[in-house]
């Protein structure tokens, strides 16, 4: 009897670990009755939809509970409304008063060019001298220009005067970039929470476009004066809220130089060298993790001694800027091609709905993307998102109806905001946080320049060949995006393997 009991009790049942774990592997003595612990399967917890949402998006709530963060997030939302609302209001108001779409388009182009030129300059000045010191005068200049534009419309001034006013309407504070810089300063190198904060910032960016364009069109059709007054109120409200949030503004380079007792140029030079050393140290660590020997890793680290920092124009920044340029051309060509197709099918009233589907899909993509703690490499996610976006939208050339484009937009739009999020995360690993605002301003300037060139090229082919000529141009632009992005693959892959460079001190 004992011999018969011992054998089965000492045998491990690998096919059912849960059952084998409940049996005792200790041999029994003669006459003993084997006792088994009763196995009680763990009750499966059924979470309500509210609990699931709380678990998924609780990270956003945690971030907004940090003192003053909710205030400057809402402030950036109000301030950023100027982007979608002004362009739409200018177009509608000029058409109402002067009856010229050509004039409206030309003025919008002047504003875009002005914003593309001035944006990077403002970003660098903000990094150097501080958010409050630069953004508040910028808001004053923009408000003066907006009031002047409105008065010129009311009194039917000669249209030539608008060519002098429009460049100043392009002087806009970079609320989104300043908000992201604040998150980087508050979270101080916490990669997971910083990435989530950047995703949340992109989510609010999408909200401005989902709400701003239709809201501007509704108000401007009723009264262009009311549309400008509303936009000015949004900017002033955003500015007030943004700069009454205390303790969340990153110190400027000038403030840090004064604290270190150094001239600003000397401080910047030493800071650039320290950034190079930090990047080389991380590269050496990554080389060791990748299996390279200590001698190779040492060569990575020694590069810091001879590294010449190019400020806002490092190789990785240039690679990203080229991609942003291509995406701008790609997106703008797609937009005017969709409008052309809607006009050809006498469905122009549905063009706005198509764009709303894309923005809504992008908003959903941003919300879920930022809620997930990703373990895959950032550069892989960056290129996968680009590939899905470009291939999906390039497929519009096969579309014959507007609803087909709408369906594809809903599917691939979820990759739009994550692509911008990945771009922001990459920038934060390329430059220290005290150069983040200027670098992001450069990215969006390149995007705007690409958009202007894409609109011009796309418009030419649409005039010649109709909407399918525009969609053929979209395919070429999509190929351009992938080529430009792949040219920068070595720099982007290397940059994204680093941790976020939080503010370094000299």
Protein backbone atom coordinates (compact mmCIF):
# COMPACT_ATOMS: atom_id res chain seq x y z
CA UNK A 1 0.00 0.00 0.00
CA UNK A 2 2.63 2.61 0.87
CA UNK A 3 4.60 1.76 -2.23
CA UNK A 4 1.49 2.25 -4.33
CA UNK A 5 0.75 5.64 -2.77
CA UNK A 6 4.21 7.06 -2.88
CA UNK A 7 4.64 6.85 -6.61
CA UNK A 8 1.67 8.91 -7.74
CA UNK A 9 2.15 11.44 -4.97
CA UNK A 10 5.77 12.10 -5.91
CA UNK A 11 5.04 12.46 -9.61
CA UNK A 12 4.75 16.02 -10.85
CA UNK A 13 1.89 16.64 -13.25
CA UNK A 14 3.35 19.14 -15.68
CA UNK A 15 0.25 19.20 -17.79
CA UNK A 16 -1.80 20.77 -15.01
CA UNK A 17 0.35 22.86 -12.67
CA UNK A 18 -2.65 24.09 -10.72
CA UNK A 19 -3.66 20.52 -9.81
CA UNK A 20 -0.15 19.33 -9.00
CA UNK A 21 0.42 22.26 -6.72
CA UNK A 22 -2.47 21.17 -4.53
CA UNK A 23 -0.96 17.74 -3.81
CA UNK A 24 1.63 17.06 -1.13
CA UNK A 25 4.90 15.60 -2.45
CA UNK A 26 5.83 14.23 1.02
CA UNK A 27 5.75 10.37 1.20
CA UNK A 28 3.06 8.96 3.49
CA UNK A 29 3.68 6.45 6.26
CA UNK A 30 1.91 3.08 6.45
CA UNK A 31 -1.81 3.27 6.97
CA UNK A 32 -1.94 7.02 6.40
CA UNK A 33 -4.77 8.39 4.37
CA UNK A 34 -3.64 10.85 1.72
CA UNK A 35 -5.14 14.30 2.24
CA UNK A 36 -5.44 16.80 -0.55
CA UNK A 37 -5.97 20.51 -0.11
CA UNK A 38 -9.19 21.61 -1.66
CA UNK A 39 -8.47 23.70 -4.72
CA UNK A 40 -10.63 26.80 -4.88
CA UNK A 41 -10.37 28.58 -8.20
CA UNK A 42 -9.88 32.31 -7.85
CA UNK A 43 -13.07 34.20 -8.57
CA UNK A 44 -12.74 36.24 -11.71
CA UNK A 45 -13.23 39.91 -11.06
CA UNK A 46 -15.71 41.54 -13.37
CA UNK A 47 -14.95 45.22 -13.77
CA UNK A 48 -17.56 47.70 -14.80
CA UNK A 49 -16.93 49.89 -17.87
CA UNK A 50 -16.29 52.82 -15.52
CA UNK A 51 -13.61 50.83 -13.68
CA UNK A 52 -11.97 49.81 -16.96
CA UNK A 53 -11.88 53.41 -18.15
CA UNK A 54 -10.51 54.51 -14.79
CA UNK A 55 -7.75 51.94 -15.00
CA UNK A 56 -6.91 52.88 -18.59
CA UNK A 57 -7.06 56.66 -18.29
CA UNK A 58 -6.21 57.02 -14.61
CA UNK A 59 -2.71 58.14 -15.59
CA UNK A 60 -4.14 61.31 -17.13
CA UNK A 61 -6.12 62.05 -13.97
CA UNK A 62 -2.99 61.54 -11.89
CA UNK A 63 -1.11 64.09 -14.00
CA UNK A 64 -3.89 66.66 -13.78
CA UNK A 65 -3.94 66.34 -9.99
CA UNK A 66 -0.46 67.85 -9.80
CA UNK A 67 -0.91 71.45 -8.57
CA UNK A 68 -1.58 74.00 -11.33
CA UNK A 69 -1.25 71.50 -14.19
CA UNK A 70 -4.96 71.49 -15.00
CA UNK A 71 -4.87 75.27 -15.15
CA UNK A 72 -2.08 75.56 -17.70
CA UNK A 73 -3.47 72.65 -19.76
CA UNK A 74 -6.82 74.45 -20.11
CA UNK A 75 -4.94 77.71 -20.73
CA UNK A 76 -2.97 76.14 -23.59
CA UNK A 77 -6.25 74.83 -25.02
CA UNK A 78 -7.75 78.33 -25.05
CA UNK A 79 -4.58 79.93 -26.43
CA UNK A 80 -4.19 77.34 -29.19
CA UNK A 81 -7.71 78.05 -30.49
CA UNK A 82 -6.18 80.98 -32.37
CA UNK A 83 -4.66 78.60 -34.94
CA UNK A 84 -7.79 76.99 -36.42
CA UNK A 85 -10.09 79.96 -35.76
CA UNK A 86 -8.09 82.78 -37.35
CA UNK A 87 -7.48 81.10 -40.71
CA UNK A 88 -11.16 80.18 -41.06
CA UNK A 89 -12.38 83.59 -39.87
CA UNK A 90 -10.06 85.46 -42.24
CA UNK A 91 -11.25 83.42 -45.22
CA UNK A 92 -14.96 83.88 -44.45
CA UNK A 93 -14.74 87.57 -43.51
CA UNK A 94 -12.71 88.60 -46.56
CA UNK A 95 -15.15 86.76 -48.84
CA UNK A 96 -18.12 88.46 -47.14
CA UNK A 97 -16.68 91.98 -47.33
CA UNK A 98 -14.61 91.96 -50.54
CA UNK A 99 -16.00 88.92 -52.36
CA UNK A 100 -12.56 87.62 -53.34
CA UNK A 101 -11.40 84.09 -52.52
CA UNK A 102 -8.05 84.90 -54.12
CA UNK A 103 -7.48 87.72 -51.63
CA UNK A 104 -8.52 85.48 -48.73
CA UNK A 105 -6.15 82.72 -49.84
CA UNK A 106 -3.27 85.14 -50.33
CA UNK A 107 -3.74 86.67 -46.89
CA UNK A 108 -3.89 83.24 -45.26
CA UNK A 109 -0.66 82.29 -47.04
CA UNK A 110 1.03 85.47 -45.75
CA UNK A 111 -0.03 84.61 -42.21
CA UNK A 112 1.27 81.03 -42.56
CA UNK A 113 4.63 82.19 -43.92
CA UNK A 114 4.93 84.78 -41.17
CA UNK A 115 4.15 82.18 -38.52
CA UNK A 116 6.67 79.74 -40.02
CA UNK A 117 9.43 82.38 -39.94
CA UNK A 118 8.66 83.95 -36.57
CA UNK A 119 7.70 80.73 -34.71
CA UNK A 120 11.22 79.27 -34.35
CA UNK A 121 12.60 82.69 -33.39
CA UNK A 122 9.99 83.06 -30.65
CA UNK A 123 10.69 79.52 -29.44
CA UNK A 124 14.41 80.19 -29.09
CA UNK A 125 13.76 83.51 -27.34
CA UNK A 126 11.43 81.75 -24.89
CA UNK A 127 14.09 79.15 -24.11
CA UNK A 128 16.66 81.88 -23.61
CA UNK A 129 14.72 84.57 -21.73
CA UNK A 130 11.63 82.83 -20.32
CA UNK A 131 8.02 82.08 -21.19
CA UNK A 132 6.47 85.08 -19.45
CA UNK A 133 9.04 87.56 -20.78
CA UNK A 134 8.43 86.64 -24.44
CA UNK A 135 4.89 85.25 -24.62
CA UNK A 136 3.11 88.22 -23.00
CA UNK A 137 4.53 90.81 -25.46
CA UNK A 138 3.71 88.35 -28.26
CA UNK A 139 0.07 88.24 -27.13
CA UNK A 140 -0.04 92.06 -27.05
CA UNK A 141 1.28 92.25 -30.64
CA UNK A 142 -1.17 89.63 -31.89
CA UNK A 143 -4.16 91.23 -30.12
CA UNK A 144 -3.30 94.64 -31.60
CA UNK A 145 -3.12 93.07 -35.07
CA UNK A 146 -6.45 91.25 -34.59
CA UNK A 147 -8.21 94.45 -33.47
CA UNK A 148 -6.69 96.36 -36.41
CA UNK A 149 -7.84 93.67 -38.85
CA UNK A 150 -11.38 93.77 -37.46
CA UNK A 151 -11.58 97.58 -37.64
CA UNK A 152 -10.29 97.53 -41.22
CA UNK A 153 -13.08 95.11 -42.13
CA UNK A 154 -15.76 97.14 -40.36
CA UNK A 155 -14.75 100.38 -42.13
CA UNK A 156 -14.13 98.65 -45.49
CA UNK A 157 -10.54 99.86 -45.67
CA UNK A 158 -8.59 99.44 -48.93
CA UNK A 159 -7.65 95.78 -49.18
CA UNK A 160 -3.93 96.64 -49.50
CA UNK A 161 -3.82 97.46 -45.79
CA UNK A 162 -4.38 93.81 -44.92
CA UNK A 163 -1.03 92.91 -46.45
CA UNK A 164 0.61 94.97 -43.68
CA UNK A 165 -1.55 93.54 -40.89
CA UNK A 166 -1.39 89.82 -41.74
CA UNK A 167 2.30 89.25 -40.87
CA UNK A 168 1.54 90.38 -37.31
CA UNK A 169 -1.37 87.93 -37.07
CA UNK A 170 1.30 85.26 -37.58
CA UNK A 171 3.04 86.35 -34.36
CA UNK A 172 1.46 83.71 -32.12
CA UNK A 173 2.76 82.36 -28.82
CA UNK A 174 3.60 78.63 -29.06
CA UNK A 175 1.18 77.51 -26.34
CA UNK A 176 1.46 73.81 -27.14
CA UNK A 177 5.26 73.80 -27.04
CA UNK A 178 5.35 75.85 -23.84
CA UNK A 179 2.87 73.46 -22.22
CA UNK A 180 5.03 70.46 -23.18
CA UNK A 181 8.13 72.22 -21.84
CA UNK A 182 6.33 72.68 -18.50
CA UNK A 183 5.47 68.99 -18.34
CA UNK A 184 9.10 68.08 -19.00
CA UNK A 185 10.22 70.43 -16.23
CA UNK A 186 7.66 69.18 -13.70
CA UNK A 187 8.22 65.46 -14.32
CA UNK A 188 12.04 65.78 -14.42
CA UNK A 189 13.02 62.81 -16.55
CA UNK A 190 10.18 60.44 -15.58
CA UNK A 191 9.95 58.81 -19.01
CA UNK A 192 6.60 57.04 -18.60
CA UNK A 193 4.72 60.01 -17.19
CA UNK A 194 6.40 62.48 -19.55
CA UNK A 195 5.39 60.42 -22.58
CA UNK A 196 1.84 60.26 -21.22
CA UNK A 197 1.82 64.03 -20.68
CA UNK A 198 2.97 64.61 -24.26
CA UNK A 199 0.17 62.34 -25.47
CA UNK A 200 -2.34 64.32 -23.44
CA UNK A 201 -1.01 67.58 -24.92
CA UNK A 202 -1.49 66.17 -28.42
CA UNK A 203 -5.00 65.10 -27.46
CA UNK A 204 -5.85 68.69 -26.50
CA UNK A 205 -4.26 69.91 -29.75
CA UNK A 206 -6.68 67.73 -31.66
CA UNK A 207 -9.58 69.12 -29.62
CA UNK A 208 -8.70 72.65 -30.76
CA UNK A 209 -9.02 71.58 -34.40
CA UNK A 210 -12.12 69.45 -33.88
CA UNK A 211 -13.85 72.37 -32.14
CA UNK A 212 -12.09 75.42 -33.59
CA UNK A 213 -12.77 75.09 -37.32
CA UNK A 214 -16.54 74.43 -37.16
CA UNK A 215 -16.99 76.95 -34.33
CA UNK A 216 -15.17 79.65 -36.31
CA UNK A 217 -17.22 78.94 -39.43
CA UNK A 218 -20.51 79.12 -37.49
CA UNK A 219 -19.67 82.37 -35.68
CA UNK A 220 -18.00 84.06 -38.69
CA UNK A 221 -20.97 83.37 -40.98
CA UNK A 222 -23.22 85.02 -38.39
CA UNK A 223 -20.78 87.87 -37.61
CA UNK A 224 -17.07 88.09 -38.43
CA UNK A 225 -16.70 90.76 -35.74
CA UNK A 226 -18.05 88.32 -33.15
CA UNK A 227 -15.65 85.65 -34.43
CA UNK A 228 -12.62 87.91 -33.93
CA UNK A 229 -13.86 89.08 -30.53
CA UNK A 230 -14.34 85.47 -29.44
CA UNK A 231 -10.85 84.51 -30.63
CA UNK A 232 -9.28 87.48 -28.85
CA UNK A 233 -11.15 86.52 -25.67
CA UNK A 234 -9.82 82.95 -25.93
CA UNK A 235 -6.22 84.17 -26.28
CA UNK A 236 -6.46 86.63 -23.38
CA UNK A 237 -8.15 84.04 -21.15
CA UNK A 238 -5.50 81.47 -22.01
CA UNK A 239 -2.69 83.94 -21.35
CA UNK A 240 -4.13 84.91 -17.96
CA UNK A 241 -4.61 81.32 -16.83
CA UNK A 242 -1.24 80.19 -18.18
CA UNK A 243 0.84 82.76 -16.34
CA UNK A 244 -1.07 82.63 -13.05
CA UNK A 245 0.00 78.98 -12.63
CA UNK A 246 2.93 79.27 -10.24
CA UNK A 247 5.87 76.93 -9.73
CA UNK A 248 5.50 75.11 -13.05
CA UNK A 249 7.47 77.39 -15.39
CA UNK A 250 10.92 76.10 -16.37
CA UNK A 251 13.73 78.56 -15.64
CA UNK A 252 15.20 80.27 -18.68
CA UNK A 253 18.82 79.92 -19.75
CA UNK A 254 19.45 83.50 -18.62
CA UNK A 255 18.10 82.78 -15.13
CA UNK A 256 20.23 79.66 -14.83
CA UNK A 257 23.32 81.50 -16.10
CA UNK A 258 22.81 84.23 -13.50
CA UNK A 259 22.41 81.57 -10.82
CA UNK A 260 25.68 79.96 -11.92
CA UNK A 261 27.43 83.34 -12.03
CA UNK A 262 28.39 82.96 -15.70
CA UNK A 263 27.82 85.04 -18.84
CA UNK A 264 25.04 83.54 -20.95
CA UNK A 265 27.35 82.56 -23.83
CA UNK A 266 29.78 80.78 -21.51
CA UNK A 267 26.92 79.03 -19.77
CA UNK A 268 25.43 77.86 -23.07
CA UNK A 269 28.82 76.59 -24.27
CA UNK A 270 29.41 74.61 -21.07
CA UNK A 271 25.84 73.34 -21.09
CA UNK A 272 26.23 72.13 -24.69
CA UNK A 273 29.37 70.21 -23.71
CA UNK A 274 27.58 68.67 -20.75
CA UNK A 275 24.70 67.58 -22.99
CA UNK A 276 27.21 65.97 -25.37
CA UNK A 277 28.83 64.11 -22.49
CA UNK A 278 25.47 62.90 -21.21
CA UNK A 279 24.46 61.69 -24.66
CA UNK A 280 27.81 59.93 -25.13
CA UNK A 281 27.47 58.26 -21.73
CA UNK A 282 24.03 56.94 -22.65
CA UNK A 283 25.34 55.77 -26.04
CA UNK A 284 28.13 53.86 -24.29
CA UNK A 285 25.64 52.19 -21.94
CA UNK A 286 23.43 51.23 -24.87
CA UNK A 287 26.46 49.80 -26.69
CA UNK A 288 27.27 47.59 -23.70
CA UNK A 289 23.66 46.44 -23.47
CA UNK A 290 23.73 45.60 -27.17
CA UNK A 291 26.62 43.20 -26.56
CA UNK A 292 29.52 45.33 -27.75
CA UNK A 293 32.79 45.07 -25.87
CA UNK A 294 34.10 47.66 -23.45
CA UNK A 295 36.57 49.08 -25.99
CA UNK A 296 33.80 49.87 -28.46
CA UNK A 297 31.69 51.39 -25.69
CA UNK A 298 34.65 53.53 -24.66
CA UNK A 299 34.91 54.85 -28.20
CA UNK A 300 31.29 55.96 -27.97
CA UNK A 301 32.01 57.84 -24.75
CA UNK A 302 35.20 59.47 -26.08
CA UNK A 303 33.20 61.18 -28.83
CA UNK A 304 31.96 63.67 -26.25
CA UNK A 305 35.38 65.35 -26.05
CA UNK A 306 35.30 66.37 -29.71
CA UNK A 307 31.54 66.71 -30.17
CA UNK A 308 30.52 70.10 -31.54
CA UNK A 309 26.96 70.85 -30.54
CA UNK A 310 24.93 72.42 -33.33
CA UNK A 311 22.28 73.85 -31.02
CA UNK A 312 18.90 73.49 -32.64
CA UNK A 313 20.38 71.85 -35.78
CA UNK A 314 21.79 68.51 -34.65
CA UNK A 315 21.62 65.62 -37.18
CA UNK A 316 18.64 64.03 -35.43
CA UNK A 317 16.77 67.36 -35.35
CA UNK A 318 17.43 67.86 -39.06
CA UNK A 319 16.16 64.33 -39.77
CA UNK A 320 12.96 65.02 -37.83
CA UNK A 321 12.53 68.43 -39.48
CA UNK A 322 12.72 66.80 -42.93
CA UNK A 323 10.01 64.33 -41.91
CA UNK A 324 7.78 67.12 -40.54
CA UNK A 325 8.27 68.99 -43.83
CA UNK A 326 7.17 65.94 -45.81
CA UNK A 327 4.17 65.34 -43.54
CA UNK A 328 3.06 68.95 -43.97
CA UNK A 329 3.17 68.66 -47.76
CA UNK A 330 1.43 65.29 -47.60
CA UNK A 331 -1.40 66.48 -45.33
CA UNK A 332 -2.13 69.72 -47.17
CA UNK A 333 -2.21 68.01 -50.58
CA UNK A 334 -4.63 65.44 -49.17
CA UNK A 335 -6.89 68.17 -47.82
CA UNK A 336 -7.30 70.13 -51.03
CA UNK A 337 -7.71 66.90 -53.03
CA UNK A 338 -10.62 65.87 -50.78
CA UNK A 339 -12.24 69.29 -51.22
CA UNK A 340 -11.81 68.99 -55.00
CA UNK A 341 -13.41 65.53 -55.00
CA UNK A 342 -16.33 66.78 -52.89
CA UNK A 343 -16.91 69.62 -55.38
CA UNK A 344 -16.75 67.22 -58.33
CA UNK A 345 -19.46 65.06 -56.75
CA UNK A 346 -21.51 68.14 -55.70
CA UNK A 347 -21.05 67.12 -52.06
CA UNK A 348 -19.01 70.07 -50.81
CA UNK A 349 -21.20 70.25 -47.70
CA UNK A 350 -19.78 66.90 -46.57
CA UNK A 351 -16.09 67.84 -46.88
CA UNK A 352 -16.06 69.21 -43.34
CA UNK A 353 -17.56 65.96 -42.06
CA UNK A 354 -14.72 63.98 -43.69
CA UNK A 355 -12.10 66.12 -41.95
CA UNK A 356 -14.02 65.88 -38.67
CA UNK A 357 -13.86 62.06 -38.93
CA UNK A 358 -10.09 62.25 -39.31
CA UNK A 359 -9.68 64.63 -36.38
CA UNK A 360 -11.97 62.54 -34.18
CA UNK A 361 -10.09 59.36 -35.08
CA UNK A 362 -6.79 61.11 -34.34
CA UNK A 363 -8.16 62.28 -30.99
CA UNK A 364 -9.12 58.71 -30.04
CA UNK A 365 -5.70 57.50 -31.15
CA UNK A 366 -3.96 60.06 -28.93
CA UNK A 367 -6.11 59.16 -25.91
CA UNK A 368 -5.42 55.43 -26.08
CA UNK A 369 -1.81 55.74 -27.22
CA UNK A 370 -0.84 57.84 -24.23
CA UNK A 371 -2.73 55.61 -21.80
CA UNK A 372 -0.61 52.55 -22.68
CA UNK A 373 2.82 51.90 -21.17
CA UNK A 374 4.65 50.87 -24.32
CA UNK A 375 7.56 48.43 -24.13
CA UNK A 376 8.47 48.43 -27.81
CA UNK A 377 11.22 50.71 -29.09
CA UNK A 378 10.13 54.29 -29.78
CA UNK A 379 11.76 54.40 -33.21
CA UNK A 380 9.83 51.29 -34.28
CA UNK A 381 6.52 52.84 -33.22
CA UNK A 382 7.48 56.06 -34.99
CA UNK A 383 8.15 54.35 -38.33
CA UNK A 384 5.20 51.96 -38.09
CA UNK A 385 2.86 54.90 -37.50
CA UNK A 386 4.35 56.78 -40.44
CA UNK A 387 4.01 53.75 -42.70
CA UNK A 388 0.36 53.09 -41.79
CA UNK A 389 -0.50 56.76 -42.21
CA UNK A 390 1.19 57.23 -45.59
CA UNK A 391 0.06 53.92 -47.10
CA UNK A 392 -3.51 54.36 -45.84
CA UNK A 393 -3.95 57.90 -47.15
CA UNK A 394 -2.14 57.12 -50.41
CA UNK A 395 -4.88 54.54 -51.05
CA UNK A 396 -7.27 57.47 -51.67
CA UNK A 397 -6.21 57.30 -55.31
CA UNK A 398 -8.41 54.19 -55.60
CA UNK A 399 -11.45 55.91 -54.05
CA UNK A 400 -14.38 56.89 -56.24
CA UNK A 401 -16.78 58.12 -53.55
CA UNK A 402 -16.42 60.46 -50.60
CA UNK A 403 -17.71 57.88 -48.12
CA UNK A 404 -14.84 55.56 -49.05
CA UNK A 405 -12.36 58.24 -48.07
CA UNK A 406 -14.26 58.81 -44.84
CA UNK A 407 -13.97 55.13 -43.86
CA UNK A 408 -10.23 55.02 -44.59
CA UNK A 409 -9.76 58.28 -42.67
CA UNK A 410 -11.49 56.76 -39.64
CA UNK A 411 -9.19 53.72 -39.76
CA UNK A 412 -5.82 55.37 -40.35
CA UNK A 413 -6.55 58.57 -38.44
CA UNK A 414 -5.72 56.81 -35.18
CA UNK A 415 -2.06 56.92 -36.28
CA UNK A 416 -2.02 60.68 -36.90
CA UNK A 417 -1.71 61.99 -33.33
CA UNK A 418 0.55 59.09 -32.20
CA UNK A 419 2.94 60.06 -35.01
CA UNK A 420 3.14 63.63 -33.66
CA UNK A 421 3.47 62.26 -30.12
CA UNK A 422 6.38 60.06 -31.18
CA UNK A 423 7.96 63.10 -32.83
CA UNK A 424 7.69 65.11 -29.59
CA UNK A 425 9.11 62.22 -27.57
CA UNK A 426 12.02 61.94 -29.99
CA UNK A 427 12.76 65.67 -29.75
CA UNK A 428 12.83 65.39 -25.97
CA UNK A 429 15.52 62.71 -26.26
CA UNK A 430 17.56 64.72 -28.75
CA UNK A 431 17.72 68.08 -26.99
CA UNK A 432 17.61 69.05 -23.30
CA UNK A 433 14.37 70.52 -22.02
CA UNK A 434 15.78 74.05 -22.06
CA UNK A 435 15.89 73.88 -25.89
CA UNK A 436 12.63 72.01 -26.34
CA UNK A 437 10.35 74.99 -27.11
CA UNK A 438 12.58 76.31 -29.87
CA UNK A 439 13.12 72.88 -31.41
CA UNK A 440 9.39 72.08 -31.49
CA UNK A 441 8.71 75.51 -33.01
CA UNK A 442 11.19 74.62 -35.75
CA UNK A 443 9.36 71.32 -36.35
CA UNK A 444 6.00 73.02 -36.79
CA UNK A 445 7.54 75.72 -38.98
CA UNK A 446 8.90 73.03 -41.31
CA UNK A 447 5.46 71.42 -41.27
CA UNK A 448 3.85 74.72 -42.29
CA UNK A 449 6.39 75.32 -45.07
CA UNK A 450 5.79 71.80 -46.36
CA UNK A 451 2.06 72.44 -46.22
CA UNK A 452 2.37 75.60 -48.33
CA UNK A 453 4.48 73.85 -50.96
CA UNK A 454 2.18 70.82 -50.96
CA UNK A 455 -0.89 73.01 -51.46
CA UNK A 456 0.73 74.79 -54.40
CA UNK A 457 1.82 71.57 -56.12
CA UNK A 458 -1.42 69.77 -55.37
CA UNK A 459 -3.49 72.69 -56.62
CA UNK A 460 -1.60 72.70 -59.92
CA UNK A 461 -2.25 69.00 -60.58
CA UNK A 462 -5.88 69.30 -59.46
CA UNK A 463 -6.41 72.11 -61.98
CA UNK A 464 -4.89 69.91 -64.70
CA UNK A 465 -6.27 66.46 -63.87
CA UNK A 466 -9.00 66.89 -61.25
CA UNK A 467 -9.10 65.34 -57.78
CA UNK A 468 -7.36 62.14 -58.92
CA UNK A 469 -4.45 64.28 -60.07
CA UNK A 470 -4.31 65.58 -56.52
CA UNK A 471 -4.45 62.08 -55.04
CA UNK A 472 -1.65 61.00 -57.40
CA UNK A 473 0.37 63.88 -55.95
CA UNK A 474 -0.53 62.57 -52.48
CA UNK A 475 1.05 59.21 -53.39
CA UNK A 476 4.25 60.97 -54.46
CA UNK A 477 4.23 63.02 -51.25
CA UNK A 478 3.73 59.84 -49.20
CA UNK A 479 6.77 58.31 -50.88
CA UNK A 480 8.68 61.52 -50.13
CA UNK A 481 7.73 61.29 -46.45
CA UNK A 482 9.03 57.73 -46.15
CA UNK A 483 12.25 58.49 -48.05
CA UNK A 484 13.01 61.55 -45.91
CA UNK A 485 12.22 59.68 -42.71
CA UNK A 486 14.32 56.64 -43.66
CA UNK A 487 17.28 58.88 -44.51
CA UNK A 488 17.23 59.95 -40.87
CA UNK A 489 16.77 56.41 -39.50
CA UNK A 490 20.31 56.06 -38.02
CA UNK A 491 20.05 59.40 -36.19
CA UNK A 492 16.49 58.82 -34.97
CA UNK A 493 17.20 55.24 -33.87
CA UNK A 494 20.24 56.39 -31.92
CA UNK A 495 18.40 59.34 -30.37
CA UNK A 496 15.37 57.33 -29.25
CA UNK A 497 17.58 54.80 -27.47
CA UNK A 498 18.49 57.53 -24.98
CA UNK A 499 16.57 58.60 -21.93
CA UNK A 500 14.94 62.02 -21.70
CA UNK A 501 17.59 64.66 -21.06
CA UNK A 502 16.15 66.63 -18.17
CA UNK A 503 17.57 70.02 -17.28
CA UNK A 504 21.30 69.79 -16.67
CA UNK A 505 23.12 72.28 -14.49
CA UNK A 506 26.53 73.84 -15.08
